[in-house]
Amino acid sequence: MQHTFAVMGWEWAQWFEKRWWKGYLKKRPVDDYLNWKTKYWRDFLEQIALTVPNNANVLDVGFGPAGIFTILNESKTVACDPLLPYYEDHIAHFSRSLYPNPDFIPMPLEASTWKNQFDFVFCINVINQVKNFEIALQRLIDAAKPEGTVIISIDCHNFSFAKWLFRTLPVDILHPQQYNHSEYLSEFESRGLIIERKALIKTGFFFDYYHVVCNKK
């Protein structure tokens, strides 16, 4: 069920997301940032014990200026993000010319129509930023082939009261969707994903951060 902030706050979240990227990258030299992201994504694949074969069909959802597509040079990659035009016009750290391989699409996940197309679907730091959680999650799963791999990163609430507060008020303005660990996993499994493994990456007061590797039935 969509909660109050998710229904009303997605447009706000997108506006603040643009401001966040602008401020975050302002003092980070382009080459330094891209080199750091290359190491980050390689470490990420090691953390989740995943190898993406050459020529695999890959979907990178909500990729930001330097998503995992940046290291998947031998894959057949589609990268979609509703903020793509903003990255192109305002973020020096993103340039299509650096990445001739991916097919870039300026689109929210909810608008996608892919069916059983991708061997690997990456949704990293995205599922809590979508406008409609139920639709977005189903589109994500629909995009994967049967027995395909779906990788989702999640910020999981540790306290029920904080979750209620964050759902009601724009306390966490960048993230309209707010769930705890068991709610996320239940949503994944109820839609036909098999949880293969999960990795606790970071603990915090309000949130714990996990990577979850799933297979589609």
C-alpha atoms as a PDB file:
ATOM      1  CA  MET A   1       0.000   0.000   0.000  1.00  0.00           C
ATOM      2  CA  GLN A   2       1.271   3.451  -0.898  1.00  0.00           C
ATOM      3  CA  HIS A   3       1.825   5.631   2.162  1.00  0.00           C
ATOM      4  CA  THR A   4       1.331   9.403   2.449  1.00  0.00           C
ATOM      5  CA  PHE A   5       4.798  10.663   1.641  1.00  0.00           C
ATOM      6  CA  ALA A   6       5.276   8.219  -1.250  1.00  0.00           C
ATOM      7  CA  VAL A   7       2.092   9.436  -2.915  1.00  0.00           C
ATOM      8  CA  MET A   8       2.878  13.124  -2.520  1.00  0.00           C
ATOM      9  CA  GLY A   9       6.652  13.274  -2.312  1.00  0.00           C
ATOM     10  CA  TRP A  10       8.167  11.708  -5.419  1.00  0.00           C
ATOM     11  CA  GLU A  11       8.335  14.962  -7.387  1.00  0.00           C
ATOM     12  CA  TRP A  12       9.924  16.661  -4.391  1.00  0.00           C
ATOM     13  CA  ALA A  13      12.374  13.789  -4.077  1.00  0.00           C
ATOM     14  CA  GLN A  14      13.413  14.106  -7.720  1.00  0.00           C
ATOM     15  CA  TRP A  15      14.016  17.833  -7.322  1.00  0.00           C
ATOM     16  CA  PHE A  16      16.115  17.301  -4.193  1.00  0.00           C
ATOM     17  CA  GLU A  17      17.940  14.415  -5.874  1.00  0.00           C
ATOM     18  CA  LYS A  18      19.146  16.794  -8.559  1.00  0.00           C
ATOM     19  CA  ARG A  19      20.355  19.275  -5.941  1.00  0.00           C
ATOM     20  CA  TRP A  20      22.036  16.469  -3.992  1.00  0.00           C
ATOM     21  CA  TRP A  21      24.015  15.258  -7.012  1.00  0.00           C
ATOM     22  CA  LYS A  22      25.054  18.793  -7.891  1.00  0.00           C
ATOM     23  CA  GLY A  23      26.325  19.466  -4.379  1.00  0.00           C
ATOM     24  CA  TYR A  24      27.877  16.026  -3.878  1.00  0.00           C
ATOM     25  CA  LEU A  25      29.933  16.145  -7.074  1.00  0.00           C
ATOM     26  CA  LYS A  26      30.807  19.838  -6.984  1.00  0.00           C
ATOM     27  CA  LYS A  27      34.194  19.363  -5.300  1.00  0.00           C
ATOM     28  CA  ARG A  28      34.990  15.938  -6.752  1.00  0.00           C
ATOM     29  CA  PRO A  29      37.236  16.004  -9.831  1.00  0.00           C
ATOM     30  CA  VAL A  30      35.694  14.008 -12.650  1.00  0.00           C
ATOM     31  CA  ASP A  31      38.587  11.568 -13.119  1.00  0.00           C
ATOM     32  CA  ASP A  32      38.967  10.962  -9.399  1.00  0.00           C
ATOM     33  CA  TYR A  33      35.267  10.266  -9.008  1.00  0.00           C
ATOM     34  CA  LEU A  34      35.043   7.916 -11.973  1.00  0.00           C
ATOM     35  CA  ASN A  35      38.138   5.996 -10.844  1.00  0.00           C
ATOM     36  CA  TRP A  36      36.633   5.665  -7.377  1.00  0.00           C
ATOM     37  CA  LYS A  37      33.339   4.427  -8.825  1.00  0.00           C
ATOM     38  CA  THR A  38      35.159   1.824 -10.916  1.00  0.00           C
ATOM     39  CA  LYS A  39      36.727   0.412  -7.759  1.00  0.00           C
ATOM     40  CA  TYR A  40      33.414   0.713  -5.909  1.00  0.00           C
ATOM     41  CA  TRP A  41      31.566  -1.398  -8.477  1.00  0.00           C
ATOM     42  CA  ARG A  42      34.268  -4.038  -8.637  1.00  0.00           C
ATOM     43  CA  ASP A  43      34.242  -4.280  -4.851  1.00  0.00           C
ATOM     44  CA  PHE A  44      30.445  -4.440  -4.974  1.00  0.00           C
ATOM     45  CA  LEU A  45      30.477  -7.504  -7.234  1.00  0.00           C
ATOM     46  CA  GLU A  46      32.992  -9.152  -4.902  1.00  0.00           C
ATOM     47  CA  GLN A  47      30.802  -8.396  -1.869  1.00  0.00           C
ATOM     48  CA  ILE A  48      27.831 -10.162  -3.429  1.00  0.00           C
ATOM     49  CA  ALA A  49      29.967 -12.935  -4.973  1.00  0.00           C
ATOM     50  CA  LEU A  50      28.646 -12.278  -8.464  1.00  0.00           C
ATOM     51  CA  THR A  51      30.249 -12.564 -11.883  1.00  0.00           C
ATOM     52  CA  VAL A  52      28.549 -11.045 -14.908  1.00  0.00           C
ATOM     53  CA  PRO A  53      29.560 -13.008 -18.016  1.00  0.00           C
ATOM     54  CA  ASN A  54      30.488 -11.273 -21.244  1.00  0.00           C
ATOM     55  CA  ASN A  55      27.516 -10.787 -23.572  1.00  0.00           C
ATOM     56  CA  ALA A  56      25.009 -11.060 -20.701  1.00  0.00           C
ATOM     57  CA  ASN A  57      21.872  -8.967 -21.067  1.00  0.00           C
ATOM     58  CA  VAL A  58      21.941  -6.462 -18.200  1.00  0.00           C
ATOM     59  CA  LEU A  59      19.533  -3.815 -16.932  1.00  0.00           C
ATOM     60  CA  ASP A  60      20.900  -1.033 -14.713  1.00  0.00           C
ATOM     61  CA  VAL A  61      17.956   0.780 -13.098  1.00  0.00           C
ATOM     62  CA  GLY A  62      18.301   4.314 -11.714  1.00  0.00           C
ATOM     63  CA  PHE A  63      21.988   4.330 -12.525  1.00  0.00           C
ATOM     64  CA  GLY A  64      22.952   7.874 -11.497  1.00  0.00           C
ATOM     65  CA  PRO A  65      25.939   9.581 -13.146  1.00  0.00           C
ATOM     66  CA  ALA A  66      28.150   6.473 -12.876  1.00  0.00           C
ATOM     67  CA  GLY A  67      26.184   3.266 -12.392  1.00  0.00           C
ATOM     68  CA  ILE A  68      27.389  -0.307 -12.630  1.00  0.00           C
ATOM     69  CA  PHE A  69      27.100  -0.030 -16.417  1.00  0.00           C
ATOM     70  CA  THR A  70      30.498   1.738 -16.290  1.00  0.00           C
ATOM     71  CA  ILE A  71      32.355  -1.548 -15.698  1.00  0.00           C
ATOM     72  CA  LEU A  72      30.196  -3.888 -17.793  1.00  0.00           C
ATOM     73  CA  ASN A  73      31.848  -3.086 -21.095  1.00  0.00           C
ATOM     74  CA  GLU A  74      31.324  -6.543 -22.583  1.00  0.00           C
ATOM     75  CA  SER A  75      27.653  -6.830 -21.645  1.00  0.00           C
ATOM     76  CA  LYS A  76      24.546  -5.903 -23.599  1.00  0.00           C
ATOM     77  CA  THR A  77      23.425  -3.232 -21.179  1.00  0.00           C
ATOM     78  CA  VAL A  78      20.339  -1.065 -20.908  1.00  0.00           C
ATOM     79  CA  ALA A  79      20.524   1.783 -18.380  1.00  0.00           C
ATOM     80  CA  CYS A  80      17.362   3.660 -17.439  1.00  0.00           C
ATOM     81  CA  ASP A  81      16.964   6.668 -15.182  1.00  0.00           C
ATOM     82  CA  PRO A  82      14.336   9.447 -15.239  1.00  0.00           C
ATOM     83  CA  LEU A  83      17.067  11.988 -14.433  1.00  0.00           C
ATOM     84  CA  LEU A  84      19.185  11.129 -17.487  1.00  0.00           C
ATOM     85  CA  PRO A  85      18.516  14.500 -19.224  1.00  0.00           C
ATOM     86  CA  TYR A  86      19.643  16.289 -16.061  1.00  0.00           C
ATOM     87  CA  TYR A  87      22.878  14.310 -15.878  1.00  0.00           C
ATOM     88  CA  GLU A  88      23.597  15.082 -19.525  1.00  0.00           C
ATOM     89  CA  ASP A  89      22.979  18.824 -19.165  1.00  0.00           C
ATOM     90  CA  HIS A  90      24.278  19.551 -15.661  1.00  0.00           C
ATOM     91  CA  ILE A  91      26.653  16.826 -14.426  1.00  0.00           C
ATOM     92  CA  ALA A  92      30.182  16.873 -15.857  1.00  0.00           C
ATOM     93  CA  HIS A  93      30.811  13.415 -14.386  1.00  0.00           C
ATOM     94  CA  PHE A  94      28.400  11.819 -16.879  1.00  0.00           C
ATOM     95  CA  SER A  95      29.077  11.656 -20.603  1.00  0.00           C
ATOM     96  CA  ARG A  96      27.539   9.226 -23.063  1.00  0.00           C
ATOM     97  CA  SER A  97      30.693   9.489 -25.162  1.00  0.00           C
ATOM     98  CA  LEU A  98      32.606   7.618 -22.447  1.00  0.00           C
ATOM     99  CA  TYR A  99      30.202   4.686 -22.639  1.00  0.00           C
ATOM    100  CA  PRO A 100      29.272   3.773 -26.234  1.00  0.00           C
ATOM    101  CA  ASN A 101      28.035   0.333 -25.222  1.00  0.00           C
ATOM    102  CA  PRO A 102      24.905   0.930 -23.045  1.00  0.00           C
ATOM    103  CA  ASP A 103      21.506   1.864 -24.389  1.00  0.00           C
ATOM    104  CA  PHE A 104      20.518   4.848 -22.215  1.00  0.00           C
ATOM    105  CA  ILE A 105      16.808   5.451 -21.643  1.00  0.00           C
ATOM    106  CA  PRO A 106      15.352   8.473 -19.752  1.00  0.00           C
ATOM    107  CA  MET A 107      12.482   6.665 -18.061  1.00  0.00           C
ATOM    108  CA  PRO A 108      11.159   5.814 -14.586  1.00  0.00           C
ATOM    109  CA  LEU A 109      11.011   2.122 -13.780  1.00  0.00           C
ATOM    110  CA  GLU A 110       7.211   2.199 -13.502  1.00  0.00           C
ATOM    111  CA  ALA A 111       6.937   3.079 -17.204  1.00  0.00           C
ATOM    112  CA  SER A 112       9.003   0.118 -18.410  1.00  0.00           C
ATOM    113  CA  THR A 113       7.503  -2.737 -20.410  1.00  0.00           C
ATOM    114  CA  TRP A 114      10.365  -5.264 -20.507  1.00  0.00           C
ATOM    115  CA  LYS A 115       9.321  -8.903 -20.234  1.00  0.00           C
ATOM    116  CA  ASN A 116      11.733 -11.765 -19.518  1.00  0.00           C
ATOM    117  CA  GLN A 117      14.569  -9.907 -21.255  1.00  0.00           C
ATOM    118  CA  PHE A 118      17.558  -9.594 -18.909  1.00  0.00           C
ATOM    119  CA  ASP A 119      19.968 -12.092 -17.353  1.00  0.00           C
ATOM    120  CA  PHE A 120      20.900  -9.593 -14.632  1.00  0.00           C
ATOM    121  CA  VAL A 121      18.836  -6.729 -13.241  1.00  0.00           C
ATOM    122  CA  PHE A 122      20.583  -4.249 -10.938  1.00  0.00           C
ATOM    123  CA  CYS A 123      18.526  -1.935  -8.731  1.00  0.00           C
ATOM    124  CA  ILE A 124      21.099  -0.288  -6.472  1.00  0.00           C
ATOM    125  CA  ASN A 125      19.944   2.423  -4.055  1.00  0.00           C
ATOM    126  CA  VAL A 126      16.815   2.897  -6.140  1.00  0.00           C
ATOM    127  CA  ILE A 127      13.795   0.914  -4.942  1.00  0.00           C
ATOM    128  CA  ASN A 128      13.197   3.336  -2.050  1.00  0.00           C
ATOM    129  CA  GLN A 129      13.255   6.273  -4.493  1.00  0.00           C
ATOM    130  CA  VAL A 130      10.484   5.161  -6.847  1.00  0.00           C
ATOM    131  CA  LYS A 131       7.056   6.764  -7.034  1.00  0.00           C
ATOM    132  CA  ASN A 132       4.991   3.578  -6.777  1.00  0.00           C
ATOM    133  CA  PHE A 133       6.733   0.746  -4.952  1.00  0.00           C
ATOM    134  CA  GLU A 134       4.408  -2.079  -5.979  1.00  0.00           C
ATOM    135  CA  ILE A 135       4.408  -1.217  -9.672  1.00  0.00           C
ATOM    136  CA  ALA A 136       8.148  -0.501  -9.784  1.00  0.00           C
ATOM    137  CA  LEU A 137       9.048  -3.757  -8.058  1.00  0.00           C
ATOM    138  CA  GLN A 138       6.833  -5.767 -10.391  1.00  0.00           C
ATOM    139  CA  ARG A 139       8.337  -4.068 -13.455  1.00  0.00           C
ATOM    140  CA  LEU A 140      11.792  -4.866 -12.102  1.00  0.00           C
ATOM    141  CA  ILE A 141      10.924  -8.543 -11.739  1.00  0.00           C
ATOM    142  CA  ASP A 142       9.113  -8.676 -15.085  1.00  0.00           C
ATOM    143  CA  ALA A 143      12.277  -7.439 -16.802  1.00  0.00           C
ATOM    144  CA  ALA A 144      14.351 -10.419 -15.632  1.00  0.00           C
ATOM    145  CA  LYS A 145      14.397 -13.678 -17.543  1.00  0.00           C
ATOM    146  CA  PRO A 146      13.115 -16.806 -15.769  1.00  0.00           C
ATOM    147  CA  GLU A 147      15.995 -17.915 -13.513  1.00  0.00           C
ATOM    148  CA  GLY A 148      17.580 -14.511 -14.073  1.00  0.00           C
ATOM    149  CA  THR A 149      19.370 -12.683 -11.260  1.00  0.00           C
ATOM    150  CA  VAL A 150      17.903  -9.596  -9.593  1.00  0.00           C
ATOM    151  CA  ILE A 151      20.184  -7.568  -7.317  1.00  0.00           C
ATOM    152  CA  ILE A 152      18.541  -4.998  -5.046  1.00  0.00           C
ATOM    153  CA  SER A 153      20.133  -2.754  -2.425  1.00  0.00           C
ATOM    154  CA  ILE A 154      17.873  -1.716   0.444  1.00  0.00           C
ATOM    155  CA  ASP A 155      17.938   0.660   3.411  1.00  0.00           C
ATOM    156  CA  CYS A 156      15.949  -1.157   6.103  1.00  0.00           C
ATOM    157  CA  HIS A 157      14.258   0.606   9.001  1.00  0.00           C
ATOM    158  CA  ASN A 158      15.232  -0.550  12.492  1.00  0.00           C
ATOM    159  CA  PHE A 159      12.354   1.070  14.409  1.00  0.00           C
ATOM    160  CA  SER A 160       8.601   0.986  13.744  1.00  0.00           C
ATOM    161  CA  PHE A 161       8.011   4.507  15.035  1.00  0.00           C
ATOM    162  CA  ALA A 162      10.723   5.984  12.825  1.00  0.00           C
ATOM    163  CA  LYS A 163       9.304   4.115   9.838  1.00  0.00           C
ATOM    164  CA  TRP A 164       5.836   5.531  10.558  1.00  0.00           C
ATOM    165  CA  LEU A 165       7.278   9.036  10.968  1.00  0.00           C
ATOM    166  CA  PHE A 166       9.328   8.855   7.776  1.00  0.00           C
ATOM    167  CA  ARG A 167       6.289   7.574   5.882  1.00  0.00           C
ATOM    168  CA  THR A 168       4.103  10.398   7.154  1.00  0.00           C
ATOM    169  CA  LEU A 169       6.473  13.378   6.949  1.00  0.00           C
ATOM    170  CA  PRO A 170       9.285  14.208   4.486  1.00  0.00           C
ATOM    171  CA  VAL A 171      11.987  13.523   7.067  1.00  0.00           C
ATOM    172  CA  ASP A 172      13.990  11.520   4.520  1.00  0.00           C
ATOM    173  CA  ILE A 173      13.112  13.650   1.513  1.00  0.00           C
ATOM    174  CA  LEU A 174      15.186  11.723  -1.052  1.00  0.00           C
ATOM    175  CA  HIS A 175      13.451   8.416  -0.314  1.00  0.00           C
ATOM    176  CA  PRO A 176       9.652   8.305  -0.655  1.00  0.00           C
ATOM    177  CA  GLN A 177       9.530   4.549   0.121  1.00  0.00           C
ATOM    178  CA  GLN A 178      10.176   3.375   3.677  1.00  0.00           C
ATOM    179  CA  TYR A 179      10.222  -0.326   4.710  1.00  0.00           C
ATOM    180  CA  ASN A 180      11.925  -2.616   7.190  1.00  0.00           C
ATOM    181  CA  HIS A 181      13.996  -5.699   6.410  1.00  0.00           C
ATOM    182  CA  SER A 182      11.235  -8.286   6.713  1.00  0.00           C
ATOM    183  CA  GLU A 183       8.796  -6.165   4.674  1.00  0.00           C
ATOM    184  CA  TYR A 184      11.244  -5.869   1.806  1.00  0.00           C
ATOM    185  CA  LEU A 185      12.036  -9.589   1.731  1.00  0.00           C
ATOM    186  CA  SER A 186       8.349 -10.491   1.987  1.00  0.00           C
ATOM    187  CA  GLU A 187       7.553  -8.221  -0.965  1.00  0.00           C
ATOM    188  CA  PHE A 188      10.341  -9.790  -3.019  1.00  0.00           C
ATOM    189  CA  GLU A 189       9.313 -13.372  -2.273  1.00  0.00           C
ATOM    190  CA  SER A 190       5.593 -12.772  -2.767  1.00  0.00           C
ATOM    191  CA  ARG A 191       6.333 -11.661  -6.338  1.00  0.00           C
ATOM    192  CA  GLY A 192       8.306 -14.739  -7.316  1.00  0.00           C
ATOM    193  CA  LEU A 193      11.859 -13.945  -6.258  1.00  0.00           C
ATOM    194  CA  ILE A 194      13.965 -16.507  -4.429  1.00  0.00           C
ATOM    195  CA  ILE A 195      16.387 -14.925  -1.964  1.00  0.00           C
ATOM    196  CA  GLU A 196      19.746 -16.547  -2.723  1.00  0.00           C
ATOM    197  CA  ARG A 197      21.891 -14.504  -0.375  1.00  0.00           C
ATOM    198  CA  LYS A 198      22.084 -11.146   1.315  1.00  0.00           C
ATOM    199  CA  ALA A 199      24.954  -9.099   2.665  1.00  0.00           C
ATOM    200  CA  LEU A 200      24.747  -6.599   5.509  1.00  0.00           C
ATOM    201  CA  ILE A 201      26.951  -3.800   4.232  1.00  0.00           C
ATOM    202  CA  LYS A 202      26.472  -1.091   6.837  1.00  0.00           C
ATOM    203  CA  THR A 203      24.685  -0.735  10.153  1.00  0.00           C
ATOM    204  CA  GLY A 204      23.182   2.527  11.335  1.00  0.00           C
ATOM    205  CA  PHE A 205      20.849   3.875  13.967  1.00  0.00           C
ATOM    206  CA  PHE A 206      17.745   4.286  11.823  1.00  0.00           C
ATOM    207  CA  PHE A 207      18.714   2.022   8.909  1.00  0.00           C
ATOM    208  CA  ASP A 208      20.746  -1.066   8.104  1.00  0.00           C
ATOM    209  CA  TYR A 209      21.941  -1.335   4.525  1.00  0.00           C
ATOM    210  CA  TYR A 210      21.820  -4.647   2.635  1.00  0.00           C
ATOM    211  CA  HIS A 211      22.582  -6.022  -0.784  1.00  0.00           C
ATOM    212  CA  VAL A 212      20.127  -8.799  -1.714  1.00  0.00           C
ATOM    213  CA  VAL A 213      20.761 -11.266  -4.538  1.00  0.00           C
ATOM    214  CA  CYS A 214      17.622 -12.979  -5.843  1.00  0.00           C
ATOM    215  CA  ASN A 215      16.726 -15.454  -8.559  1.00  0.00           C
ATOM    216  CA  LYS A 216      13.494 -15.207 -10.482  1.00  0.00           C
ATOM    217  CA  LYS A 217      11.350 -18.326 -10.512  1.00  0.00           C
END
